Amino acid sequence: RATLGILSPNARVESGSIRFDGNDLLGMDPVRFQREIKGRRITFIPQD
């Protein structure tokens, strides 16, 4: 879920990085992440 950017509000990243195709997902502009990555280049198959 951290990779897909769908963590709950009480989640806190202390350190580290998630890089996707050279892009730093944790530092990426949220609008750009929503437009270019989430649900588009990275998609999700849920449990239920």
All heavy atoms as atom14 arrays in JSON, in Angstrom:
{
  "sequence": "RATLGILSPNARVESGSIRFDGNDLLGMDPVRFQREIKGRRITFIPQD",
  "atom14_mask": [
    [1, 1, 1, 1, 1, 1, 1, 1, 1, 1, 1, 0, 0, 0],
    [1, 1, 1, 1, 1, 0, 0, 0, 0, 0, 0, 0, 0, 0],
    [1, 1, 1, 1, 1, 1, 1, 0, 0, 0, 0, 0, 0, 0],
    [1, 1, 1, 1, 1, 1, 1, 1, 0, 0, 0, 0, 0, 0],
    [1, 1, 1, 1, 0, 0, 0, 0, 0, 0, 0, 0, 0, 0],
    [1, 1, 1, 1, 1, 1, 1, 1, 0, 0, 0, 0, 0, 0],
    [1, 1, 1, 1, 1, 1, 1, 1, 0, 0, 0, 0, 0, 0],
    [1, 1, 1, 1, 1, 1, 0, 0, 0, 0, 0, 0, 0, 0],
    [1, 1, 1, 1, 1, 1, 1, 0, 0, 0, 0, 0, 0, 0],
    [1, 1, 1, 1, 1, 1, 1, 1, 0, 0, 0, 0, 0, 0],
    [1, 1, 1, 1, 1, 0, 0, 0, 0, 0, 0, 0, 0, 0],
    [1, 1, 1, 1, 1, 1, 1, 1, 1, 1, 1, 0, 0, 0],
    [1, 1, 1, 1, 1, 1, 1, 0, 0, 0, 0, 0, 0, 0],
    [1, 1, 1, 1, 1, 1, 1, 1, 1, 0, 0, 0, 0, 0],
    [1, 1, 1, 1, 1, 1, 0, 0, 0, 0, 0, 0, 0, 0],
    [1, 1, 1, 1, 0, 0, 0, 0, 0, 0, 0, 0, 0, 0],
    [1, 1, 1, 1, 1, 1, 0, 0, 0, 0, 0, 0, 0, 0],
    [1, 1, 1, 1, 1, 1, 1, 1, 0, 0, 0, 0, 0, 0],
    [1, 1, 1, 1, 1, 1, 1, 1, 1, 1, 1, 0, 0, 0],
    [1, 1, 1, 1, 1, 1, 1, 1, 1, 1, 1, 0, 0, 0],
    [1, 1, 1, 1, 1, 1, 1, 1, 0, 0, 0, 0, 0, 0],
    [1, 1, 1, 1, 0, 0, 0, 0, 0, 0, 0, 0, 0, 0],
    [1, 1, 1, 1, 1, 1, 1, 1, 0, 0, 0, 0, 0, 0],
    [1, 1, 1, 1, 1, 1, 1, 1, 0, 0, 0, 0, 0, 0],
    [1, 1, 1, 1, 1, 1, 1, 1, 0, 0, 0, 0, 0, 0],
    [1, 1, 1, 1, 1, 1, 1, 1, 0, 0, 0, 0, 0, 0],
    [1, 1, 1, 1, 0, 0, 0, 0, 0, 0, 0, 0, 0, 0],
    [1, 1, 1, 1, 1, 1, 1, 1, 0, 0, 0, 0, 0, 0],
    [1, 1, 1, 1, 1, 1, 1, 1, 0, 0, 0, 0, 0, 0],
    [1, 1, 1, 1, 1, 1, 1, 0, 0, 0, 0, 0, 0, 0],
    [1, 1, 1, 1, 1, 1, 1, 0, 0, 0, 0, 0, 0, 0],
    [1, 1, 1, 1, 1, 1, 1, 1, 1, 1, 1, 0, 0, 0],
    [1, 1, 1, 1, 1, 1, 1, 1, 1, 1, 1, 0, 0, 0],
    [1, 1, 1, 1, 1, 1, 1, 1, 1, 0, 0, 0, 0, 0],
    [1, 1, 1, 1, 1, 1, 1, 1, 1, 1, 1, 0, 0, 0],
    [1, 1, 1, 1, 1, 1, 1, 1, 1, 0, 0, 0, 0, 0],
    [1, 1, 1, 1, 1, 1, 1, 1, 0, 0, 0, 0, 0, 0],
    [1, 1, 1, 1, 1, 1, 1, 1, 1, 0, 0, 0, 0, 0],
    [1, 1, 1, 1, 0, 0, 0, 0, 0, 0, 0, 0, 0, 0],
    [1, 1, 1, 1, 1, 1, 1, 1, 1, 1, 1, 0, 0, 0],
    [1, 1, 1, 1, 1, 1, 1, 1, 1, 1, 1, 0, 0, 0],
    [1, 1, 1, 1, 1, 1, 1, 1, 0, 0, 0, 0, 0, 0],
    [1, 1, 1, 1, 1, 1, 1, 0, 0, 0, 0, 0, 0, 0],
    [1, 1, 1, 1, 1, 1, 1, 1, 1, 1, 1, 0, 0, 0],
    [1, 1, 1, 1, 1, 1, 1, 1, 0, 0, 0, 0, 0, 0],
    [1, 1, 1, 1, 1, 1, 1, 0, 0, 0, 0, 0, 0, 0],
    [1, 1, 1, 1, 1, 1, 1, 1, 1, 0, 0, 0, 0, 0],
    [1, 1, 1, 1, 1, 1, 1, 1, 0, 0, 0, 0, 0, 0]
  ],
  "atom14_positions": [
    [[0.82, -1.21, 0.0], [0.0, 0.0, 0.0], [0.86, 1.26, 0.0], [0.46, 2.28, -0.56], [-0.96, -0.01, 1.19], [-2.06, -1.05, 1.04], [-3.0, -1.11, 2.23], [-4.13, -1.99, 1.97], [-5.26, -1.62, 1.41], [-5.43, -0.34, 1.09], [-6.23, -2.47, 1.18], [0.0, 0.0, 0.0], [0.0, 0.0, 0.0], [0.0, 0.0, 0.0]],
    [[2.01, 1.21, 0.63], [2.91, 2.36, 0.61], [3.38, 2.64, -0.81], [3.51, 3.79, -1.24], [4.11, 2.1, 1.52], [0.0, 0.0, 0.0], [0.0, 0.0, 0.0], [0.0, 0.0, 0.0], [0.0, 0.0, 0.0], [0.0, 0.0, 0.0], [0.0, 0.0, 0.0], [0.0, 0.0, 0.0], [0.0, 0.0, 0.0], [0.0, 0.0, 0.0]],
    [[3.62, 1.58, -1.57], [4.05, 1.74, -2.96], [2.95, 2.36, -3.8], [3.23, 3.18, -4.69], [4.45, 0.36, -3.54], [5.46, -0.22, -2.72], [4.96, 0.5, -4.96], [0.0, 0.0, 0.0], [0.0, 0.0, 0.0], [0.0, 0.0, 0.0], [0.0, 0.0, 0.0], [0.0, 0.0, 0.0], [0.0, 0.0, 0.0], [0.0, 0.0, 0.0]],
    [[1.71, 2.02, -3.5], [0.59, 2.55, -4.28], [0.08, 3.88, -3.72], [-0.78, 4.53, -4.33], [-0.55, 1.52, -4.29], [-1.65, 1.71, -5.32], [-1.08, 1.72, -6.74], [-2.69, 0.61, -5.2], [0.0, 0.0, 0.0], [0.0, 0.0, 0.0], [0.0, 0.0, 0.0], [0.0, 0.0, 0.0], [0.0, 0.0, 0.0], [0.0, 0.0, 0.0]],
    [[0.6, 4.31, -2.56], [0.2, 5.59, -1.99], [-1.19, 5.59, -1.4], [-1.91, 6.59, -1.49], [0.0, 0.0, 0.0], [0.0, 0.0, 0.0], [0.0, 0.0, 0.0], [0.0, 0.0, 0.0], [0.0, 0.0, 0.0], [0.0, 0.0, 0.0], [0.0, 0.0, 0.0], [0.0, 0.0, 0.0], [0.0, 0.0, 0.0], [0.0, 0.0, 0.0]],
    [[-1.59, 4.46, -0.78], [-2.94, 4.38, -0.2], [-2.88, 4.02, 1.28], [-3.68, 3.24, 1.78], [-3.84, 3.38, -0.97], [-3.17, 2.01, -1.1], [-4.19, 3.93, -2.34], [-4.06, 0.96, -1.75], [0.0, 0.0, 0.0], [0.0, 0.0, 0.0], [0.0, 0.0, 0.0], [0.0, 0.0, 0.0], [0.0, 0.0, 0.0], [0.0, 0.0, 0.0]],
    [[-1.94, 4.61, 1.99], [-1.82, 4.39, 3.43], [-2.88, 5.19, 4.19], [-3.37, 6.21, 3.71], [-0.43, 4.79, 3.91], [0.73, 3.92, 3.43], [2.06, 4.59, 3.76], [0.66, 2.53, 4.04], [0.0, 0.0, 0.0], [0.0, 0.0, 0.0], [0.0, 0.0, 0.0], [0.0, 0.0, 0.0], [0.0, 0.0, 0.0], [0.0, 0.0, 0.0]],
    [[-3.21, 4.73, 5.38], [-4.19, 5.42, 6.21], [-3.59, 6.71, 6.79], [-2.36, 6.87, 6.84], [-4.65, 4.5, 7.35], [-3.55, 4.11, 8.15], [0.0, 0.0, 0.0], [0.0, 0.0, 0.0], [0.0, 0.0, 0.0], [0.0, 0.0, 0.0], [0.0, 0.0, 0.0], [0.0, 0.0, 0.0], [0.0, 0.0, 0.0], [0.0, 0.0, 0.0]],
    [[-4.43, 7.65, 7.24], [-3.93, 8.94, 7.72], [-2.98, 8.85, 8.91], [-2.17, 9.76, 9.11], [-5.22, 9.69, 8.11], [-6.29, 9.05, 7.29], [-5.91, 7.61, 7.18], [0.0, 0.0, 0.0], [0.0, 0.0, 0.0], [0.0, 0.0, 0.0], [0.0, 0.0, 0.0], [0.0, 0.0, 0.0], [0.0, 0.0, 0.0], [0.0, 0.0, 0.0]],
    [[-3.08, 7.81, 9.72], [-2.2, 7.71, 10.89], [-0.86, 7.06, 10.57], [-0.05, 6.82, 11.46], [-2.89, 6.94, 12.02], [-3.15, 5.49, 11.66], [-3.42, 5.17, 10.5], [-3.09, 4.61, 12.65], [0.0, 0.0, 0.0], [0.0, 0.0, 0.0], [0.0, 0.0, 0.0], [0.0, 0.0, 0.0], [0.0, 0.0, 0.0], [0.0, 0.0, 0.0]],
    [[-0.6, 6.79, 9.29], [0.69, 6.23, 8.89], [1.75, 7.32, 8.86], [1.47, 8.48, 8.53], [0.58, 5.57, 7.52], [0.0, 0.0, 0.0], [0.0, 0.0, 0.0], [0.0, 0.0, 0.0], [0.0, 0.0, 0.0], [0.0, 0.0, 0.0], [0.0, 0.0, 0.0], [0.0, 0.0, 0.0], [0.0, 0.0, 0.0], [0.0, 0.0, 0.0]],
    [[2.98, 6.95, 9.21], [4.09, 7.91, 9.21], [5.34, 7.25, 8.67], [5.79, 6.22, 9.18], [4.31, 8.44, 10.62], [5.51, 9.35, 10.79], [5.37, 10.27, 12.0], [4.94, 9.59, 13.2], [5.79, 9.17, 14.17], [7.09, 9.35, 14.03], [5.32, 8.6, 15.27], [0.0, 0.0, 0.0], [0.0, 0.0, 0.0], [0.0, 0.0, 0.0]],
    [[5.9, 7.84, 7.59], [7.16, 7.36, 7.03], [8.3, 8.06, 7.75], [8.4, 9.28, 7.76], [7.25, 7.64, 5.51], [8.6, 7.21, 4.96], [6.12, 6.94, 4.77], [0.0, 0.0, 0.0], [0.0, 0.0, 0.0], [0.0, 0.0, 0.0], [0.0, 0.0, 0.0], [0.0, 0.0, 0.0], [0.0, 0.0, 0.0], [0.0, 0.0, 0.0]],
    [[9.17, 7.27, 8.37], [10.29, 7.83, 9.11], [11.51, 8.06, 8.23], [12.2, 9.09, 8.35], [10.66, 6.9, 10.27], [9.59, 6.77, 11.33], [10.06, 5.9, 12.47], [10.34, 4.71, 12.23], [10.16, 6.41, 13.61], [0.0, 0.0, 0.0], [0.0, 0.0, 0.0], [0.0, 0.0, 0.0], [0.0, 0.0, 0.0], [0.0, 0.0, 0.0]],
    [[11.8, 7.11, 7.36], [12.98, 7.23, 6.49], [12.89, 6.19, 5.39], [12.01, 5.34, 5.39], [14.28, 7.04, 7.29], [14.32, 5.75, 7.88], [0.0, 0.0, 0.0], [0.0, 0.0, 0.0], [0.0, 0.0, 0.0], [0.0, 0.0, 0.0], [0.0, 0.0, 0.0], [0.0, 0.0, 0.0], [0.0, 0.0, 0.0], [0.0, 0.0, 0.0]],
    [[13.83, 6.28, 4.46], [13.87, 5.33, 3.36], [13.29, 5.91, 2.09], [12.85, 7.07, 2.04], [0.0, 0.0, 0.0], [0.0, 0.0, 0.0], [0.0, 0.0, 0.0], [0.0, 0.0, 0.0], [0.0, 0.0, 0.0], [0.0, 0.0, 0.0], [0.0, 0.0, 0.0], [0.0, 0.0, 0.0], [0.0, 0.0, 0.0], [0.0, 0.0, 0.0]],
    [[13.29, 5.11, 1.04], [12.81, 5.58, -0.25], [12.09, 4.47, -1.01], [12.33, 3.28, -0.8], [13.98, 6.1, -1.1], [14.88, 5.04, -1.41], [0.0, 0.0, 0.0], [0.0, 0.0, 0.0], [0.0, 0.0, 0.0], [0.0, 0.0, 0.0], [0.0, 0.0, 0.0], [0.0, 0.0, 0.0], [0.0, 0.0, 0.0], [0.0, 0.0, 0.0]],
    [[11.19, 4.9, -1.9], [10.52, 4.01, -2.84], [10.72, 4.63, -4.21], [10.18, 5.69, -4.51], [9.01, 3.87, -2.55], [8.76, 3.36, -1.13], [8.36, 2.94, -3.57], [7.29, 3.3, -0.75], [0.0, 0.0, 0.0], [0.0, 0.0, 0.0], [0.0, 0.0, 0.0], [0.0, 0.0, 0.0], [0.0, 0.0, 0.0], [0.0, 0.0, 0.0]],
    [[11.52, 3.97, -5.04], [11.81, 4.49, -6.38], [11.16, 3.58, -7.42], [11.35, 2.37, -7.4], [13.31, 4.6, -6.62], [14.02, 5.55, -5.65], [15.44, 5.88, -6.1], [15.42, 6.7, -7.3], [15.28, 8.04, -7.29], [15.13, 8.69, -6.14], [15.29, 8.71, -8.43], [0.0, 0.0, 0.0], [0.0, 0.0, 0.0], [0.0, 0.0, 0.0]],
    [[10.41, 4.22, -8.32], [9.71, 3.5, -9.38], [10.16, 4.06, -10.72], [9.95, 5.24, -10.99], [8.2, 3.64, -9.2], [7.39, 3.13, -10.37], [7.27, 1.77, -10.6], [6.77, 4.01, -11.24], [6.54, 1.29, -11.67], [6.03, 3.55, -12.3], [5.92, 2.18, -12.53], [0.0, 0.0, 0.0], [0.0, 0.0, 0.0], [0.0, 0.0, 0.0]],
    [[10.81, 3.22, -11.51], [11.33, 3.64, -12.81], [12.15, 4.93, -12.69], [12.05, 5.83, -13.52], [10.17, 3.84, -13.79], [10.62, 3.8, -15.25], [11.74, 3.32, -15.51], [9.86, 4.26, -16.12], [0.0, 0.0, 0.0], [0.0, 0.0, 0.0], [0.0, 0.0, 0.0], [0.0, 0.0, 0.0], [0.0, 0.0, 0.0], [0.0, 0.0, 0.0]],
    [[12.93, 5.02, -11.62], [13.79, 6.18, -11.39], [13.15, 7.33, -10.66], [13.83, 8.29, -10.29], [0.0, 0.0, 0.0], [0.0, 0.0, 0.0], [0.0, 0.0, 0.0], [0.0, 0.0, 0.0], [0.0, 0.0, 0.0], [0.0, 0.0, 0.0], [0.0, 0.0, 0.0], [0.0, 0.0, 0.0], [0.0, 0.0, 0.0], [0.0, 0.0, 0.0]],
    [[11.83, 7.27, -10.42], [11.12, 8.36, -9.74], [10.97, 8.07, -8.25], [10.6, 6.96, -7.87], [9.72, 8.53, -10.35], [9.76, 8.95, -11.8], [10.21, 10.04, -12.12], [9.31, 8.07, -12.68], [0.0, 0.0, 0.0], [0.0, 0.0, 0.0], [0.0, 0.0, 0.0], [0.0, 0.0, 0.0], [0.0, 0.0, 0.0], [0.0, 0.0, 0.0]],
    [[11.23, 9.08, -7.44], [11.06, 8.96, -5.99], [9.59, 9.16, -5.65], [9.08, 10.28, -5.67], [11.93, 10.02, -5.29], [11.75, 10.0, -3.77], [11.13, 9.05, -3.25], [12.25, 10.93, -3.11], [0.0, 0.0, 0.0], [0.0, 0.0, 0.0], [0.0, 0.0, 0.0], [0.0, 0.0, 0.0], [0.0, 0.0, 0.0], [0.0, 0.0, 0.0]],
    [[8.89, 8.07, -5.37], [7.45, 8.16, -5.14], [7.12, 8.92, -3.86], [6.11, 9.63, -3.8], [6.83, 6.76, -5.09], [6.93, 5.92, -6.37], [6.12, 4.63, -6.22], [6.46, 6.71, -7.59], [0.0, 0.0, 0.0], [0.0, 0.0, 0.0], [0.0, 0.0, 0.0], [0.0, 0.0, 0.0], [0.0, 0.0, 0.0], [0.0, 0.0, 0.0]],
    [[7.93, 8.75, -2.82], [7.63, 9.42, -1.55], [7.82, 10.93, -1.65], [7.17, 11.69, -0.93], [8.51, 8.86, -0.44], [8.28, 7.38, -0.09], [9.25, 6.94, 1.01], [6.83, 7.14, 0.35], [0.0, 0.0, 0.0], [0.0, 0.0, 0.0], [0.0, 0.0, 0.0], [0.0, 0.0, 0.0], [0.0, 0.0, 0.0], [0.0, 0.0, 0.0]],
    [[8.71, 11.37, -2.55], [8.96, 12.8, -2.7], [8.25, 13.43, -3.88], [8.37, 14.63, -4.12], [0.0, 0.0, 0.0], [0.0, 0.0, 0.0], [0.0, 0.0, 0.0], [0.0, 0.0, 0.0], [0.0, 0.0, 0.0], [0.0, 0.0, 0.0], [0.0, 0.0, 0.0], [0.0, 0.0, 0.0], [0.0, 0.0, 0.0], [0.0, 0.0, 0.0]],
    [[7.5, 12.64, -4.62], [6.83, 13.13, -5.82], [5.66, 14.04, -5.46], [4.96, 13.82, -4.47], [6.35, 11.96, -6.68], [5.71, 12.37, -8.0], [5.19, 10.94, -9.0], [6.79, 10.34, -9.57], [0.0, 0.0, 0.0], [0.0, 0.0, 0.0], [0.0, 0.0, 0.0], [0.0, 0.0, 0.0], [0.0, 0.0, 0.0], [0.0, 0.0, 0.0]],
    [[5.45, 15.06, -6.29], [4.29, 15.93, -6.14], [3.02, 15.09, -6.16], [2.82, 14.28, -7.08], [4.27, 16.95, -7.28], [3.01, 17.8, -7.26], [2.83, 18.57, -6.32], [2.19, 17.64, -8.2], [0.0, 0.0, 0.0], [0.0, 0.0, 0.0], [0.0, 0.0, 0.0], [0.0, 0.0, 0.0], [0.0, 0.0, 0.0], [0.0, 0.0, 0.0]],
    [[2.13, 15.24, -5.17], [0.93, 14.39, -5.09], [0.05, 14.45, -6.33], [-0.54, 13.45, -6.72], [0.2, 14.94, -3.86], [1.28, 15.57, -3.02], [2.26, 16.13, -4.0], [0.0, 0.0, 0.0], [0.0, 0.0, 0.0], [0.0, 0.0, 0.0], [0.0, 0.0, 0.0], [0.0, 0.0, 0.0], [0.0, 0.0, 0.0], [0.0, 0.0, 0.0]],
    [[-0.05, 15.61, -6.94], [-0.88, 15.74, -8.14], [-0.28, 14.93, -9.29], [-0.98, 14.21, -10.0], [-1.04, 17.22, -8.53], [-1.79, 17.34, -9.86], [-1.75, 18.0, -7.44], [0.0, 0.0, 0.0], [0.0, 0.0, 0.0], [0.0, 0.0, 0.0], [0.0, 0.0, 0.0], [0.0, 0.0, 0.0], [0.0, 0.0, 0.0], [0.0, 0.0, 0.0]],
    [[1.03, 15.03, -9.44], [1.7, 14.26, -10.49], [1.59, 12.76, -10.22], [1.37, 11.97, -11.14], [3.17, 14.67, -10.58], [3.92, 13.96, -11.69], [5.4, 14.22, -11.66], [6.11, 13.33, -12.57], [7.39, 13.03, -12.48], [8.13, 13.56, -11.51], [7.95, 12.22, -13.36], [0.0, 0.0, 0.0], [0.0, 0.0, 0.0], [0.0, 0.0, 0.0]],
    [[1.73, 12.37, -8.96], [1.61, 10.96, -8.59], [0.22, 10.43, -8.95], [0.09, 9.34, -9.5], [1.87, 10.79, -7.1], [1.77, 9.37, -6.61], [2.8, 8.48, -6.81], [0.62, 8.93, -5.97], [2.7, 7.17, -6.38], [0.51, 7.62, -5.52], [1.55, 6.73, -5.74], [0.0, 0.0, 0.0], [0.0, 0.0, 0.0], [0.0, 0.0, 0.0]],
    [[-0.8, 11.24, -8.66], [-2.17, 10.84, -8.95], [-2.41, 10.72, -10.46], [-3.07, 9.79, -10.92], [-3.14, 11.85, -8.35], [-4.61, 11.54, -8.55], [-5.09, 10.34, -7.75], [-4.54, 10.04, -6.71], [-6.1, 9.65, -8.26], [0.0, 0.0, 0.0], [0.0, 0.0, 0.0], [0.0, 0.0, 0.0], [0.0, 0.0, 0.0], [0.0, 0.0, 0.0]],
    [[-1.86, 11.64, -11.22], [-2.09, 11.66, -12.66], [-1.3, 10.59, -13.41], [-1.83, 9.92, -14.29], [-1.7, 13.03, -13.23], [-2.63, 14.16, -12.86], [-2.1, 15.45, -13.45], [-2.97, 16.59, -13.14], [-2.71, 17.83, -13.48], [-1.59, 18.12, -14.14], [-3.54, 18.81, -13.15], [0.0, 0.0, 0.0], [0.0, 0.0, 0.0], [0.0, 0.0, 0.0]],
    [[-0.03, 10.45, -13.06], [0.86, 9.64, -13.87], [1.1, 8.22, -13.36], [1.4, 7.32, -14.15], [2.22, 10.35, -14.01], [2.14, 11.7, -14.67], [3.51, 12.37, -14.77], [4.53, 11.67, -14.53], [3.56, 13.57, -15.08], [0.0, 0.0, 0.0], [0.0, 0.0, 0.0], [0.0, 0.0, 0.0], [0.0, 0.0, 0.0], [0.0, 0.0, 0.0]],
    [[1.01, 8.03, -12.05], [1.45, 6.76, -11.47], [0.29, 5.93, -10.92], [0.03, 4.82, -11.38], [2.49, 6.99, -10.34], [3.66, 7.85, -10.85], [2.98, 5.67, -9.8], [4.48, 7.22, -11.94], [0.0, 0.0, 0.0], [0.0, 0.0, 0.0], [0.0, 0.0, 0.0], [0.0, 0.0, 0.0], [0.0, 0.0, 0.0], [0.0, 0.0, 0.0]],
    [[-0.38, 6.44, -9.94], [-1.41, 5.68, -9.22], [-2.58, 5.31, -10.13], [-3.21, 6.17, -10.75], [-1.92, 6.52, -8.04], [-2.96, 5.8, -7.18], [-3.37, 6.69, -6.02], [-4.44, 6.03, -5.17], [-4.87, 6.91, -4.06], [0.0, 0.0, 0.0], [0.0, 0.0, 0.0], [0.0, 0.0, 0.0], [0.0, 0.0, 0.0], [0.0, 0.0, 0.0]],
    [[-2.86, 4.02, -10.22], [-3.97, 3.56, -11.03], [-3.71, 3.6, -12.51], [-4.59, 3.25, -13.32], [0.0, 0.0, 0.0], [0.0, 0.0, 0.0], [0.0, 0.0, 0.0], [0.0, 0.0, 0.0], [0.0, 0.0, 0.0], [0.0, 0.0, 0.0], [0.0, 0.0, 0.0], [0.0, 0.0, 0.0], [0.0, 0.0, 0.0], [0.0, 0.0, 0.0]],
    [[-2.49, 4.01, -12.88], [-2.17, 4.1, -14.3], [-0.93, 3.26, -14.61], [-1.02, 2.24, -15.27], [-1.97, 5.57, -14.71], [-2.03, 5.79, -16.21], [-2.03, 7.27, -16.56], [-2.28, 7.46, -17.98], [-2.29, 8.64, -18.58], [-2.1, 9.74, -17.87], [-2.51, 8.74, -19.87], [0.0, 0.0, 0.0], [0.0, 0.0, 0.0], [0.0, 0.0, 0.0]],
    [[0.22, 3.67, -14.11], [1.44, 2.87, -14.3], [1.6, 1.82, -13.2], [2.28, 0.83, -13.39], [2.67, 3.77, -14.36], [2.67, 4.71, -15.57], [4.0, 5.41, -15.72], [5.06, 4.46, -15.99], [6.36, 4.75, -15.91], [6.75, 5.97, -15.56], [7.27, 3.83, -16.18], [0.0, 0.0, 0.0], [0.0, 0.0, 0.0], [0.0, 0.0, 0.0]],
    [[1.01, 2.08, -12.04], [0.95, 1.08, -10.97], [-0.52, 0.84, -10.67], [-1.25, 1.77, -10.3], [1.67, 1.55, -9.69], [3.14, 1.88, -9.96], [1.59, 0.46, -8.62], [3.89, 2.39, -8.74], [0.0, 0.0, 0.0], [0.0, 0.0, 0.0], [0.0, 0.0, 0.0], [0.0, 0.0, 0.0], [0.0, 0.0, 0.0], [0.0, 0.0, 0.0]],
    [[-0.97, -0.4, -10.83], [-2.37, -0.72, -10.58], [-2.46, -1.78, -9.48], [-1.46, -2.3, -9.01], [-3.06, -1.2, -11.87], [-2.35, -2.33, -12.4], [-3.1, -0.09, -12.9], [0.0, 0.0, 0.0], [0.0, 0.0, 0.0], [0.0, 0.0, 0.0], [0.0, 0.0, 0.0], [0.0, 0.0, 0.0], [0.0, 0.0, 0.0], [0.0, 0.0, 0.0]],
    [[-3.7, -2.1, -9.1], [-3.93, -2.87, -7.87], [-5.0, -3.94, -8.09], [-6.04, -3.67, -8.68], [-4.37, -1.88, -6.79], [-4.54, -2.46, -5.41], [-3.48, -3.06, -4.75], [-5.77, -2.4, -4.76], [-3.63, -3.58, -3.47], [-5.93, -2.92, -3.48], [-4.85, -3.52, -2.84], [0.0, 0.0, 0.0], [0.0, 0.0, 0.0], [0.0, 0.0, 0.0]],
    [[-4.72, -5.15, -7.61], [-5.73, -6.21, -7.55], [-5.97, -6.49, -6.07], [-5.07, -6.96, -5.37], [-5.27, -7.49, -8.25], [-4.94, -7.22, -9.73], [-6.34, -8.58, -8.14], [-4.32, -8.41, -10.43], [0.0, 0.0, 0.0], [0.0, 0.0, 0.0], [0.0, 0.0, 0.0], [0.0, 0.0, 0.0], [0.0, 0.0, 0.0], [0.0, 0.0, 0.0]],
    [[-7.16, -6.21, -5.54], [-7.41, -6.34, -4.1], [-7.69, -7.78, -3.68], [-7.9, -8.67, -4.51], [-8.65, -5.46, -3.89], [-9.39, -5.59, -5.19], [-8.34, -5.69, -6.26], [0.0, 0.0, 0.0], [0.0, 0.0, 0.0], [0.0, 0.0, 0.0], [0.0, 0.0, 0.0], [0.0, 0.0, 0.0], [0.0, 0.0, 0.0], [0.0, 0.0, 0.0]],
    [[-7.72, -7.99, -2.37], [-8.05, -9.3, -1.81], [-9.5, -9.68, -2.07], [-9.81, -10.82, -2.39], [-7.84, -9.3, -0.29], [-6.41, -9.22, 0.16], [-6.31, -9.33, 1.68], [-7.2, -9.88, 2.33], [-5.24, -8.82, 2.24], [0.0, 0.0, 0.0], [0.0, 0.0, 0.0], [0.0, 0.0, 0.0], [0.0, 0.0, 0.0], [0.0, 0.0, 0.0]],
    [[-10.38, -8.71, -1.9], [-11.82, -8.98, -1.87], [-12.5, -8.54, -3.15], [-12.79, -7.36, -3.34], [-12.45, -8.25, -0.68], [-13.95, -8.5, -0.56], [-14.43, -9.44, -1.23], [-14.61, -7.77, 0.18], [0.0, 0.0, 0.0], [0.0, 0.0, 0.0], [0.0, 0.0, 0.0], [0.0, 0.0, 0.0], [0.0, 0.0, 0.0], [0.0, 0.0, 0.0]]
  ]
}
